[in-house]
Protein backbone atom coordinates (compact mmCIF):
# COMPACT_ATOMS: atom_id res chain seq x y z
CA UNK A 1 -23.10 -15.99 26.77
CA UNK A 2 -24.38 -12.88 25.16
CA UNK A 3 -23.30 -10.54 28.34
CA UNK A 4 -19.72 -12.42 28.03
CA UNK A 5 -19.41 -11.99 24.31
CA UNK A 6 -19.57 -8.29 24.86
CA UNK A 7 -16.03 -8.01 26.20
CA UNK A 8 -15.37 -9.50 22.57
CA UNK A 9 -16.64 -6.71 20.87
CA UNK A 10 -15.29 -3.87 23.28
CA UNK A 11 -12.13 -5.94 22.06
CA UNK A 12 -12.56 -5.34 18.73
CA UNK A 13 -13.81 -2.25 18.68
CA UNK A 14 -10.97 -0.66 20.62
CA UNK A 15 -8.55 -2.57 17.71
CA UNK A 16 -10.45 -1.09 14.90
CA UNK A 17 -9.84 2.21 16.50
CA UNK A 18 -6.44 2.05 16.38
CA UNK A 19 -5.96 -0.04 13.06
CA UNK A 20 -7.72 3.00 11.51
CA UNK A 21 -6.22 5.47 12.70
CA UNK A 22 -2.36 4.07 11.51
CA UNK A 23 -3.68 2.63 8.10
CA UNK A 24 -5.07 6.38 7.68
CA UNK A 25 -1.48 7.25 6.97
CA UNK A 26 -1.09 4.83 4.47
CA UNK A 27 -4.33 5.46 2.75
CA UNK A 28 -3.62 9.25 2.71
CA UNK A 29 0.03 9.39 2.83
CA UNK A 30 0.80 8.54 -0.54
CA UNK A 31 -1.25 11.63 -2.16
CA UNK A 32 -0.17 14.32 1.09
CA UNK A 33 2.81 12.72 2.22
CA UNK A 34 3.17 11.41 5.95
CA UNK A 35 3.92 14.61 7.87
CA UNK A 36 3.03 16.30 10.77
CA UNK A 37 0.06 17.51 9.13
CA UNK A 38 -1.15 14.11 7.77
CA UNK A 39 -0.47 13.06 12.31
CA UNK A 40 -2.19 16.08 13.36
CA UNK A 41 -5.45 15.59 11.22
CA UNK A 42 -5.60 11.90 11.85
CA UNK A 43 -5.29 12.39 15.79
CA UNK A 44 -7.58 15.50 15.32
CA UNK A 45 -10.32 12.96 13.78
CA UNK A 46 -10.02 10.59 16.09
CA UNK A 47 -10.50 12.33 19.02
CA UNK A 48 -13.49 14.51 17.74
CA UNK A 49 -15.01 11.24 16.13
CA UNK A 50 -14.68 9.60 19.64
CA UNK A 51 -16.26 12.18 21.72
CA UNK A 52 -19.15 12.47 19.43
CA UNK A 53 -19.21 8.09 19.84
CA UNK A 54 -19.33 8.56 23.37
CA UNK A 55 -21.88 11.47 23.93
CA UNK A 56 -24.16 9.90 21.66
CA UNK A 57 -23.77 5.98 22.91
CA UNK A 58 -23.92 7.18 26.48
CA UNK A 59 -27.34 9.61 25.75
CA UNK A 60 -28.89 6.14 23.36
CA UNK A 61 -27.79 3.24 25.99
CA UNK A 62 -30.04 5.33 28.67
CA UNK A 63 -33.01 5.24 26.25
CA UNK A 64 -32.51 1.80 24.90
CA UNK A 65 -30.09 0.16 25.98
CA UNK A 66 -30.67 -3.14 23.25
CA UNK A 67 -27.50 -5.87 22.64
CA UNK A 68 -29.01 -6.04 19.33
CA UNK A 69 -28.73 -1.95 18.37
CA UNK A 70 -24.87 -2.49 19.81
CA UNK A 71 -24.61 -5.31 17.21
CA UNK A 72 -25.96 -3.03 14.57
CA UNK A 73 -23.47 -0.56 15.18
CA UNK A 74 -20.79 -2.25 15.07
CA UNK A 75 -22.17 -3.83 11.19
CA UNK A 76 -22.63 -0.19 10.14
CA UNK A 77 -18.93 0.88 10.93
CA UNK A 78 -17.61 -2.30 9.23
CA UNK A 79 -19.75 -1.38 6.57
CA UNK A 80 -18.05 1.80 5.66
CA UNK A 81 -14.47 0.60 6.71
CA UNK A 82 -15.18 -1.71 3.30
CA UNK A 83 -15.76 0.89 1.13
CA UNK A 84 -12.93 3.71 2.27
CA UNK A 85 -10.68 1.86 -0.64
CA UNK A 86 -13.69 2.47 -3.26
CA UNK A 87 -14.47 6.24 -1.63
CA UNK A 88 -10.65 7.43 -1.34
CA UNK A 89 -9.86 8.40 -4.87
CA UNK A 90 -12.98 10.49 -5.26
CA UNK A 91 -12.71 11.79 -2.14
CA UNK A 92 -9.04 12.95 -2.88
CA UNK A 93 -9.84 15.18 -5.97
CA UNK A 94 -12.64 16.79 -3.63
CA UNK A 95 -10.18 17.56 -1.32
CA UNK A 96 -7.25 19.05 -3.65
CA UNK A 97 -7.96 22.50 -4.30
CA UNK A 98 -8.31 23.41 -0.80
CA UNK A 99 -4.99 23.37 -0.29
CA UNK A 100 -1.97 20.76 1.87
CA UNK A 101 -4.17 21.20 5.38
CA UNK A 102 -7.21 21.80 4.88
CA UNK A 103 -7.15 19.01 2.36
CA UNK A 104 -5.52 16.31 4.91
CA UNK A 105 -8.27 17.45 7.35
CA UNK A 106 -11.19 17.38 4.91
CA UNK A 107 -10.48 14.04 3.53
CA UNK A 108 -9.48 11.99 6.84
CA UNK A 109 -12.23 13.33 8.04
CA UNK A 110 -14.74 12.64 5.29
CA UNK A 111 -13.22 9.21 5.03
CA UNK A 112 -12.97 8.27 8.88
CA UNK A 113 -15.13 10.28 11.26
CA UNK A 114 -18.47 8.37 10.71
CA UNK A 115 -16.81 4.29 11.64
CA UNK A 116 -14.92 5.93 14.25
CA UNK A 117 -18.05 7.54 15.55
CA UNK A 118 -19.68 4.61 15.49
CA UNK A 119 -16.71 2.66 17.16
CA UNK A 120 -17.16 5.17 19.89
CA UNK A 121 -20.17 4.80 20.74
CA UNK A 122 -19.82 0.88 21.72
CA UNK A 123 -18.10 1.16 25.24
CA UNK A 124 -20.48 3.44 26.81
CA UNK A 125 -23.22 1.50 25.35
CA UNK A 126 -21.76 -1.77 26.60
CA UNK A 127 -21.40 -0.76 30.10
CA UNK A 128 -24.98 0.38 30.39
CA UNK A 129 -26.28 -3.27 28.99
CA UNK A 130 -23.19 -5.21 31.14
CA UNK A 131 -24.07 -3.34 34.36
CA UNK A 132 -26.31 -5.11 37.03
CA UNK A 133 -26.40 -2.48 39.27
CA UNK A 134 -25.08 1.11 40.58
CA UNK A 135 -22.97 -0.59 42.96
CA UNK A 136 -20.80 -2.40 40.56
CA UNK A 137 -20.92 0.09 37.63
CA UNK A 138 -17.70 1.55 38.21
CA UNK A 139 -16.27 -1.91 37.68
CA UNK A 140 -17.52 -2.60 34.57
CA UNK A 141 -16.90 0.65 33.19
CA UNK A 142 -13.23 -0.15 34.23
CA UNK A 143 -12.70 -3.60 33.05
CA UNK A 144 -14.54 -2.92 29.91
CA UNK A 145 -12.54 0.16 29.33
CA UNK A 146 -9.26 -1.90 30.20
CA UNK A 147 -10.45 -4.78 27.40
CA UNK A 148 -11.01 -2.11 24.73
CA UNK A 149 -7.09 -0.51 25.58
CA UNK A 150 -5.76 -3.63 25.70
CA UNK A 151 -7.17 -4.30 21.79
CA UNK A 152 -6.09 -0.82 20.58
CA UNK A 153 -2.55 -1.83 21.64
CA UNK A 154 -2.75 -5.31 20.45
CA UNK A 155 -3.93 -3.93 17.12
CA UNK A 156 -1.05 -0.24 16.91
CA UNK A 157 1.56 -3.06 17.06
CA UNK A 158 0.26 -5.71 14.64
CA UNK A 159 -0.66 -3.16 12.17
CA UNK A 160 2.62 -1.36 12.16
CA UNK A 161 4.92 -4.42 12.93
CA UNK A 162 3.10 -7.01 10.91
CA UNK A 163 -0.22 -6.43 8.94
CA UNK A 164 0.70 -3.24 6.48
CA UNK A 165 3.74 -5.00 5.31
CA UNK A 166 2.91 -8.11 4.90
CA UNK A 167 -1.07 -7.97 3.93
CA UNK A 168 -1.32 -4.72 2.07
CA UNK A 169 -3.35 -1.89 3.20
CA UNK A 170 -6.06 -2.24 0.83
CA UNK A 171 -6.76 -6.04 1.80
CA UNK A 172 -6.22 -4.66 5.40
CA UNK A 173 -8.50 -2.10 5.55
CA UNK A 174 -11.06 -5.03 3.67
CA UNK A 175 -10.28 -7.19 6.59
CA UNK A 176 -10.48 -4.56 9.57
CA UNK A 177 -13.92 -4.03 8.13
CA UNK A 178 -14.41 -7.42 7.59
CA UNK A 179 -14.11 -8.75 11.51
CA UNK A 180 -15.96 -5.63 12.61
CA UNK A 181 -19.34 -6.92 10.21
CA UNK A 182 -18.32 -10.28 11.58
CA UNK A 183 -18.35 -9.68 15.20
CA UNK A 184 -21.56 -7.45 14.96
CA UNK A 185 -23.15 -10.11 12.71
CA UNK A 186 -22.02 -12.94 15.40
CA UNK A 187 -23.56 -11.03 18.33
CA UNK A 188 -27.05 -10.87 16.27
CA UNK A 189 -27.09 -14.76 15.64
CA UNK A 190 -26.33 -15.53 19.33
CA UNK A 191 -29.66 -13.60 19.98
CA UNK A 192 -31.93 -15.63 18.23
CA UNK A 193 -33.79 -18.28 19.93
CA UNK A 194 -33.39 -21.20 17.38
CA UNK A 195 -30.08 -23.28 18.00
CA UNK A 196 -30.66 -24.30 14.09
CA UNK A 197 -31.44 -20.72 13.23
CA UNK A 198 -28.73 -19.73 15.00
CA UNK A 199 -25.92 -21.35 13.43
CA UNK A 200 -27.70 -20.73 9.89
CA UNK A 201 -27.31 -17.37 10.82
CA UNK A 202 -23.88 -17.37 11.49
CA UNK A 203 -22.65 -19.72 9.09
CA UNK A 204 -24.31 -17.47 6.61
CA UNK A 205 -22.91 -14.29 8.07
CA UNK A 206 -19.62 -15.04 8.02
CA UNK A 207 -19.60 -16.45 4.28
CA UNK A 208 -20.97 -12.99 3.23
CA UNK A 209 -18.08 -11.78 5.40
CA UNK A 210 -15.13 -13.59 4.47
CA UNK A 211 -15.96 -12.43 0.37
CA UNK A 212 -16.04 -9.16 1.08
CA UNK A 213 -13.13 -9.01 3.02
CA UNK A 214 -11.35 -11.11 0.34
CA UNK A 215 -11.61 -8.73 -2.45
CA UNK A 216 -7.98 -8.78 -3.77
CA UNK A 217 -5.79 -5.61 -3.22
CA UNK A 218 -4.44 -3.50 -6.45
CA UNK A 219 -1.66 -4.41 -7.47
CA UNK A 220 0.54 -4.24 -10.60
CA UNK A 221 -1.07 -2.73 -13.24
CA UNK A 222 1.22 -3.14 -16.60
CA UNK A 223 -1.57 -1.01 -18.52
CA UNK A 224 -1.33 2.26 -16.34
CA UNK A 225 2.88 1.75 -15.78
CA UNK A 226 2.66 0.37 -12.12
CA UNK A 227 5.42 -2.58 -12.14
CA UNK A 228 5.21 -3.00 -8.56
CA UNK A 229 4.00 -1.82 -5.57
CA UNK A 230 4.87 -2.88 -2.01
CA UNK A 231 4.34 -1.67 1.92
CA UNK A 232 7.09 -1.47 3.62
CA UNK A 233 7.41 -0.79 7.75
CA UNK A 234 8.27 3.40 6.67
CA UNK A 235 6.13 3.88 3.46
CA UNK A 236 4.38 2.73 0.08
CA UNK A 237 6.69 2.05 -2.40
CA UNK A 238 5.90 1.99 -6.38
CA UNK A 239 7.93 1.39 -9.32
CA UNK A 240 6.32 3.44 -12.31
CA UNK A 241 7.47 3.19 -16.01
CA UNK A 242 5.87 6.47 -17.80
CA UNK A 243 4.25 6.61 -21.71
CA UNK A 244 7.01 7.58 -23.34
CA UNK A 245 8.56 4.18 -23.30
CA UNK A 246 12.09 5.58 -21.50
CA UNK A 247 11.51 6.81 -18.06
CA UNK A 248 11.22 4.51 -14.92
CA UNK A 249 10.50 6.22 -11.54
CA UNK A 250 10.61 5.23 -8.02
CA UNK A 251 7.75 6.77 -5.93
CA UNK A 252 7.52 6.98 -2.28
CA UNK A 253 4.24 7.67 -0.56
CA UNK A 254 3.45 9.50 -3.62
CA UNK A 255 7.03 11.76 -4.27
CA UNK A 256 9.54 11.14 -7.07
CA UNK A 257 12.42 9.83 -5.41
CA UNK A 258 14.26 8.34 -8.52
CA UNK A 259 14.03 9.06 -11.82
CA UNK A 260 16.38 7.27 -14.61
CA UNK A 261 16.47 6.51 -18.28
CA UNK A 262 15.35 2.99 -18.38
CA UNK A 263 17.45 2.48 -21.96
CA UNK A 264 20.98 3.77 -20.38
CA UNK A 265 20.26 3.52 -16.18
CA UNK A 266 21.25 7.27 -15.99
CA UNK A 267 19.83 9.64 -13.54
CA UNK A 268 17.51 12.29 -15.47
CA UNK A 269 17.32 14.47 -11.86
CA UNK A 270 20.11 17.25 -13.24
CA UNK A 271 21.34 17.10 -8.88
CA UNK A 272 23.13 13.96 -9.06
CA UNK A 273 26.25 15.23 -11.08
CA UNK A 274 25.89 18.36 -8.29
CA UNK A 275 26.44 15.92 -5.88
CA UNK A 276 29.32 14.14 -7.83
CA UNK A 277 31.17 17.22 -7.16
CA UNK A 278 32.09 16.55 -3.66
CA UNK A 279 34.66 14.15 -6.05
CA UNK A 280 36.80 17.41 -6.89
CA UNK A 281 38.17 17.71 -3.29
CA UNK A 282 40.50 14.67 -3.61
CA UNK A 283 42.98 13.64 -6.18
CA UNK A 284 42.11 9.95 -6.24
CA UNK A 285 38.97 8.04 -5.85
CA UNK A 286 38.07 8.14 -2.14
CA UNK A 287 35.46 6.81 -0.04
CA UNK A 288 31.75 7.80 -0.02
CA UNK A 289 29.28 7.55 2.42
CA UNK A 290 25.54 8.16 1.39
CA UNK A 291 22.89 8.70 3.22
CA UNK A 292 19.56 7.57 1.80
CA UNK A 293 20.24 5.23 -1.14
CA UNK A 294 16.86 5.52 -3.21
CA UNK A 295 16.98 3.94 -6.41
CA UNK A 296 20.73 3.96 -6.83
CA UNK A 297 21.38 6.95 -8.96
CA UNK A 298 24.26 8.87 -6.59
CA UNK A 299 25.27 5.19 -5.86
CA UNK A 300 26.43 4.21 -9.48
CA UNK A 301 27.48 7.72 -10.10
CA UNK A 302 30.16 7.53 -7.75
CA UNK A 303 31.14 3.51 -8.31
CA UNK A 304 31.31 4.23 -12.16
CA UNK A 305 34.26 6.45 -11.31
CA UNK A 306 36.30 4.18 -9.09
CA UNK A 307 34.90 5.33 -5.53
CA UNK A 308 34.36 3.04 -2.69
CA UNK A 309 30.74 3.57 -1.79
CA UNK A 310 29.23 2.71 1.54
CA UNK A 311 24.99 3.05 1.44
CA UNK A 312 22.61 3.48 4.38
CA UNK A 313 18.78 2.85 3.70
CA UNK A 314 16.58 2.65 6.22
CA UNK A 315 13.93 0.68 4.36
CA UNK A 316 14.57 -2.64 3.36
CA UNK A 317 11.68 -2.39 0.71
CA UNK A 318 13.53 0.55 -0.96
CA UNK A 319 16.94 -1.77 -1.14
CA UNK A 320 14.88 -4.40 -2.81
CA UNK A 321 13.43 -2.55 -5.29
CA UNK A 322 16.40 -0.72 -6.85
CA UNK A 323 18.21 -4.46 -6.97
CA UNK A 324 15.70 -5.25 -8.74
CA UNK A 325 14.09 -2.35 -10.98
CA UNK A 326 16.87 -0.09 -11.18
CA UNK A 327 19.90 -2.05 -12.05
CA UNK A 328 21.77 -1.49 -8.68
CA UNK A 329 24.51 -4.67 -7.96
CA UNK A 330 25.96 -5.69 -4.47
CA UNK A 331 28.92 -4.95 -6.49
CA UNK A 332 28.37 -1.06 -6.40
CA UNK A 333 28.20 -0.41 -2.81
CA UNK A 334 28.20 -2.06 0.67
CA UNK A 335 24.56 -1.83 1.94
CA UNK A 336 23.72 -0.51 5.39
CA UNK A 337 20.11 -1.28 5.93
CA UNK A 338 19.43 1.76 9.39
CA UNK A 339 18.50 5.08 10.05
CA UNK A 340 21.63 7.57 8.85
CA UNK A 341 21.94 9.23 12.11
CA UNK A 342 21.89 6.00 14.20
CA UNK A 343 24.79 4.69 11.24
CA UNK A 344 26.56 7.84 12.42
CA UNK A 345 26.66 7.21 16.12
CA UNK A 346 28.08 3.93 15.37
CA UNK A 347 31.96 4.16 16.22
CA UNK A 348 33.29 3.66 12.32
CA UNK A 349 35.32 4.84 9.36
CA UNK A 350 36.12 8.04 8.03
CA UNK A 351 35.41 9.29 4.47
CA UNK A 352 36.42 11.52 1.22
CA UNK A 353 32.61 12.26 0.80
CA UNK A 354 29.22 12.68 2.51
CA UNK A 355 25.99 12.83 0.67
CA UNK A 356 22.36 13.47 2.33
CA UNK A 357 20.26 12.26 -0.09
CA UNK A 358 17.54 11.67 2.25
CA UNK A 359 13.92 12.54 1.81
CA UNK A 360 10.70 11.74 3.69
CA UNK A 361 7.36 11.50 2.55
CA UNK A 362 7.04 15.68 2.47
CA UNK A 363 10.70 16.88 4.00
CA UNK A 364 13.94 16.16 4.48
CA UNK A 365 13.97 13.91 8.04
CA UNK A 366 14.33 17.14 10.81
CA UNK A 367 16.76 14.68 12.96
CA UNK A 368 19.22 14.90 9.80
CA UNK A 369 19.83 17.92 9.34
CA UNK A 370 20.07 19.60 12.66
CA UNK A 371 23.78 20.78 14.39
CA UNK A 372 24.10 17.78 16.45
CA UNK A 373 23.59 15.63 13.15
CA UNK A 374 26.04 17.79 11.54
CA UNK A 375 28.59 17.56 14.33
CA UNK A 376 28.16 13.93 13.73
CA UNK A 377 29.04 13.94 10.03
CA UNK A 378 32.28 16.01 10.47
CA UNK A 379 33.68 13.49 12.43
CA UNK A 380 33.32 10.71 10.02
CA UNK A 381 34.56 13.45 7.79
CA UNK A 382 38.57 13.02 6.74
CA UNK A 383 40.51 16.76 6.56
CA UNK A 384 39.30 17.82 3.56
CA UNK A 385 36.18 15.83 3.18
CA UNK A 386 32.87 17.26 2.07
CA UNK A 387 29.59 16.88 2.93
CA UNK A 388 26.95 17.52 -0.29
CA UNK A 389 23.35 17.79 0.59
CA UNK A 390 20.45 17.69 -1.62
CA UNK A 391 17.52 20.45 -0.63
CA UNK A 392 14.01 20.51 -2.61
CA UNK A 393 13.31 24.08 -1.96
CA UNK A 394 11.08 26.35 -3.43
CA UNK A 395 13.36 28.89 -4.70
CA UNK A 396 16.86 29.21 -3.79
CA UNK A 397 16.79 31.93 -1.03
CA UNK A 398 14.18 30.22 0.89
CA UNK A 399 13.89 29.67 5.28
CA UNK A 400 14.97 26.21 4.51
CA UNK A 401 18.41 26.70 2.72
CA UNK A 402 18.79 29.94 4.79
CA UNK A 403 18.76 27.48 8.26
CA UNK A 404 20.54 24.29 7.01
CA UNK A 405 23.36 26.73 5.81
CA UNK A 406 23.21 28.53 8.96
CA UNK A 407 23.34 25.08 10.79
CA UNK A 408 26.55 24.04 8.88
CA UNK A 409 28.37 26.70 9.69
CA UNK A 410 28.60 25.47 13.04
CA UNK A 411 31.08 23.20 12.26
CA UNK A 412 32.32 24.05 8.49
CA UNK A 413 33.69 26.87 7.42
CA UNK A 414 32.80 26.91 3.67
CA UNK A 415 29.36 26.83 2.80
CA UNK A 416 27.92 27.03 -0.58
CA UNK A 417 24.33 26.49 -2.22
CA UNK A 418 24.39 25.32 -5.75
CA UNK A 419 21.22 25.20 -7.89
CA UNK A 420 19.85 22.42 -10.14
CA UNK A 421 17.38 24.68 -11.82
CA UNK A 422 17.46 28.10 -13.48
CA UNK A 423 14.48 29.75 -12.60
CA UNK A 424 15.79 31.37 -9.20
CA UNK A 425 12.16 31.16 -7.47
CA UNK A 426 10.57 27.91 -8.61
CA UNK A 427 10.43 24.89 -7.33
CA UNK A 428 13.65 22.52 -7.35
CA UNK A 429 16.83 21.11 -5.97
CA UNK A 430 20.28 22.62 -4.70
CA UNK A 431 22.96 20.97 -3.23
CA UNK A 432 24.72 22.40 0.10
CA UNK A 433 28.38 21.93 0.17
CA UNK A 434 30.23 22.58 3.20
CA UNK A 435 33.75 21.58 4.05
CA UNK A 436 36.61 22.77 6.14
CA UNK A 437 38.61 23.74 3.34
CA UNK A 438 37.96 26.19 0.33
CA UNK A 439 36.23 24.63 -2.84
CA UNK A 440 38.48 27.03 -5.26
CA UNK A 441 41.33 25.20 -3.99
CA UNK A 442 40.04 21.60 -4.64
CA UNK A 443 42.23 19.55 -6.94
CA UNK A 444 39.36 18.65 -9.44
CA UNK A 445 38.88 22.18 -9.57
CA UNK A 446 41.76 23.32 -10.82
CA UNK A 447 43.01 21.28 -14.02
CA UNK A 448 42.71 22.27 -17.35
CA UNK A 449 39.89 20.86 -19.66
CA UNK A 450 41.75 20.91 -22.61
CA UNK A 451 44.96 19.04 -21.20
CA UNK A 452 45.65 15.19 -21.25
CA UNK A 453 44.95 15.39 -17.75
CA UNK A 454 42.36 17.42 -17.12
CA UNK A 455 41.17 16.06 -13.84
CA UNK A 456 43.31 16.08 -11.24
CA UNK A 457 40.56 14.75 -8.96
CA UNK A 458 39.20 11.31 -10.52
CA UNK A 459 35.66 11.46 -11.76
CA UNK A 460 35.27 15.32 -10.95
CA UNK A 461 32.40 15.85 -13.72
CA UNK A 462 32.81 19.82 -13.77
CA UNK A 463 35.02 19.19 -16.98
CA UNK A 464 32.12 16.67 -18.32
CA UNK A 465 28.91 17.12 -17.64
CA UNK A 466 26.76 20.41 -18.39
CA UNK A 467 24.35 20.13 -15.00
CA UNK A 468 27.68 20.27 -12.79
CA UNK A 469 29.06 23.24 -15.25
CA UNK A 470 25.88 25.44 -14.55
CA UNK A 471 25.68 24.56 -11.02
CA UNK A 472 28.69 25.13 -10.30
CA UNK A 473 28.63 29.01 -12.40
CA UNK A 474 25.88 29.56 -10.55
CA UNK A 475 27.26 28.51 -6.34
CA UNK A 476 26.18 31.13 -3.93
CA UNK A 477 26.57 31.79 -0.32
CA UNK A 478 23.19 31.66 1.02
CA UNK A 479 22.71 34.51 3.00
CA UNK A 480 22.51 32.98 6.89
CA UNK A 481 21.82 36.63 8.37
CA UNK A 482 19.59 35.74 11.04
CA UNK A 483 18.66 32.45 10.07
CA UNK A 484 17.22 30.07 12.06
CA UNK A 485 20.15 27.17 13.50
CA UNK A 486 18.02 23.39 13.46
CA UNK A 487 18.80 21.80 16.54
CA UNK A 488 17.54 18.49 18.07
CA UNK A 489 15.29 20.44 20.25
CA UNK A 490 14.00 23.57 17.85
CA UNK A 491 13.55 22.63 14.34
CA UNK A 492 10.48 23.74 12.00
CA UNK A 493 11.80 22.14 8.39
CA UNK A 494 8.83 20.03 8.37
CA UNK A 495 6.72 23.07 8.89
CA UNK A 496 8.75 24.82 5.88
CA UNK A 497 8.55 21.90 3.86
CA UNK A 498 4.61 22.18 3.34
CA UNK A 499 4.94 24.86 0.73
CA UNK A 500 7.49 22.61 -1.47
CA UNK A 501 5.55 19.72 -0.32
CA UNK A 502 2.17 21.24 -2.35
CA UNK A 503 3.91 22.31 -5.49
CA UNK A 504 6.23 18.77 -5.48
CA UNK A 505 2.92 16.76 -5.42
CA UNK A 506 0.52 19.03 -7.71
CA UNK A 507 3.50 19.15 -10.46
CA UNK A 508 3.83 15.45 -9.78
CA UNK A 509 0.32 14.37 -10.36
CA UNK A 510 -0.02 16.85 -13.35
CA UNK A 511 2.88 14.57 -14.77
CA UNK A 512 1.40 11.22 -14.17
CA UNK A 513 -2.04 12.22 -15.72
CA UNK A 514 0.18 13.61 -18.98
CA UNK A 515 1.94 9.99 -18.66
CA UNK A 516 -0.87 7.93 -18.17
CA UNK A 517 0.41 6.52 -15.46
CA UNK A 518 -1.18 4.76 -12.10
CA UNK A 519 -0.85 8.26 -9.64
CA UNK A 520 -2.70 6.26 -6.76
């Protein structure tokens, strides 16, 4: 019985490895963003820890092939996993001063290396215990590694597709730790000689493990401004109210995507009216395609001017949060819950303006700012139509701005950048406008603000919004000489966004602390 139980031990260990690795993106993502660096750090730590575990496990097995010791290894791994939700915050605070790349690697190593090393010891140890003779050691090793891999596959599918969105990260972390402890404890109980003692020990261990794993996960915390928190298939979403009594934030994986005045519902981001400048290209309310809905600020800005809006948002939880906490109405836009590039690939209607306001955990999704993607956007614009892109950048003349502008020029003859912030060298937003009609000839920019028909294009914000006026007055054509054209094959926007991500998150954490908000 104990020998056959080994297969369950190996299955659970293999499942736990993948569950921990995937959970790592949600445990660290809200603080660092789910970027190439985070994935690289998690994969590296996992492989290093497993390699060390394989080596140690094989040597321990040769010296002392003991089933109780194997079950003890599983219990030790489970106990560490149970501690992760409490270890996370102090470890993140320790790692933060080291810069994004090293901080991500350090935090991932401290949190996950120890349990992953222990889990790596399981398979070689189990092979030594299970193999009856050298003649069958190959078959035994193959069978056990196959069972471990099947466990990993099952865990990968369940964790990403089902458990994280429905159970939550903290609770699922506790359940993984509890499962490891329960599996190891049951193995120890099976090794007891007395059936009565075995049943009593097993029952006691099951109750203790379930009590540990049933600790409630963190939820809304009104005292710290946290109205709601949810795990979607794509990110962790939080709704926060600042202590000033007027500011509400939509925070996705630790980054602020929407900030509004709670009293009026108006966006506090100065780039929103700059995106509205695309309305100046047409003389009457037209049709907008918005890729990246967020809290719905851009939707509301266009809908108020009589525009018909189609909005594409990949995350259904974001749409739900926008409706429940930011007053987004079904009448203001047709919502399509899907990836923006996929929507563009689907044959459909054309638009007077397309606004790209999609931002992932740490950068614009790379597949939305390539020459191929801009070609799809150009095909969905009506003659004279405008593409407006919101870009966060650490200055007006960075590689990110230059590369996006150069890529736009593949399909558009006119490309201009409009800063939303005054400092040319500081972190801020820029809106890049691209069109095949010269902006200086747009109807909405030629109206006389003193006349009764000041806006010849309906809702053009240039005559009434100070942010739009300042952005337009500071417009410039980015220097595209030698700039890289981004493509599906070669795209470095994730790497260029590292500096932006570091500064943005540092500023946001400082703001959270000042406002007494639940930043994590």
